[in-house]
């Protein structure tokens, strides 16, 4: 499936330059970069959810302290 997206000429030229250095087409390069970026975001979101759960469990060990009471500004 092919889709079209609009990008600035400068961005396209930079992608084309990097694709040439990697010996791939611009389409392959952009697809690879986009896939990598999306995978990284999914991983970050998964880790954030995991950390938030661990943080909430840790807070339960201090029942008399609210999170806002612990934060120093």
Protein backbone atom coordinates (compact mmCIF):
# COMPACT_ATOMS: atom_id res chain seq x y z
CA UNK A 1 0.00 0.00 0.00
CA UNK A 2 1.36 3.39 -0.93
CA UNK A 3 0.42 6.67 0.71
CA UNK A 4 1.58 10.17 0.00
CA UNK A 5 2.59 12.74 2.55
CA UNK A 6 3.71 16.32 2.09
CA UNK A 7 7.07 17.35 3.52
CA UNK A 8 9.17 20.44 3.05
CA UNK A 9 11.75 20.41 0.30
CA UNK A 10 14.53 20.77 2.87
CA UNK A 11 13.30 17.73 4.79
CA UNK A 12 12.98 15.68 1.63
CA UNK A 13 16.47 16.67 0.51
CA UNK A 14 17.96 15.68 3.87
CA UNK A 15 16.13 12.33 3.74
CA UNK A 16 17.36 11.79 0.19
CA UNK A 17 20.93 12.58 1.23
CA UNK A 18 20.80 10.12 4.13
CA UNK A 19 19.09 7.48 1.98
CA UNK A 20 21.85 7.77 -0.58
CA UNK A 21 24.49 7.29 2.11
CA UNK A 22 22.61 4.20 3.33
CA UNK A 23 22.25 2.89 -0.25
CA UNK A 24 18.45 2.68 -0.04
CA UNK A 25 15.57 4.52 -1.69
CA UNK A 26 14.05 7.55 -0.02
CA UNK A 27 10.86 5.56 0.50
CA UNK A 28 12.74 2.74 2.26
CA UNK A 29 14.67 5.22 4.37
CA UNK A 30 11.59 7.19 5.46
CA UNK A 31 9.64 3.99 6.13
CA UNK A 32 12.46 2.63 8.27
CA UNK A 33 12.86 5.87 10.24
CA UNK A 34 9.12 6.12 10.80
CA UNK A 35 8.85 2.49 11.92
CA UNK A 36 11.75 2.97 14.31
CA UNK A 37 10.24 6.14 15.75
CA UNK A 38 6.84 4.52 16.27
CA UNK A 39 8.40 1.45 17.91
CA UNK A 40 10.40 3.71 20.22
CA UNK A 41 7.27 5.61 21.21
CA UNK A 42 5.38 2.40 21.94
CA UNK A 43 8.29 1.19 24.09
CA UNK A 44 8.41 4.51 25.96
CA UNK A 45 4.66 4.40 26.63
CA UNK A 46 4.92 0.80 27.86
CA UNK A 47 7.80 1.68 30.20
CA UNK A 48 5.93 4.75 31.49
CA UNK A 49 2.89 2.63 32.37
CA UNK A 50 5.12 0.09 34.08
CA UNK A 51 6.95 2.78 36.07
CA UNK A 52 3.69 4.47 37.10
CA UNK A 53 2.39 1.14 38.41
CA UNK A 54 5.58 0.53 40.39
CA UNK A 55 5.49 4.08 41.73
CA UNK A 56 1.89 3.69 42.88
CA UNK A 57 2.77 0.40 44.63
CA UNK A 58 5.73 2.07 46.34
CA UNK A 59 3.51 4.88 47.58
CA UNK A 60 1.27 2.32 49.28
CA UNK A 61 4.19 1.57 51.62
CA UNK A 62 3.77 5.09 53.05
CA UNK A 63 0.04 5.30 53.81
CA UNK A 64 0.18 8.60 55.73
CA UNK A 65 2.05 10.51 53.05
CA UNK A 66 0.38 11.97 49.97
CA UNK A 67 2.49 12.27 46.81
CA UNK A 68 2.20 16.08 46.87
CA UNK A 69 3.68 16.11 50.40
CA UNK A 70 6.84 14.45 49.07
CA UNK A 71 7.46 16.75 46.15
CA UNK A 72 9.88 19.60 46.74
CA UNK A 73 9.73 22.59 44.48
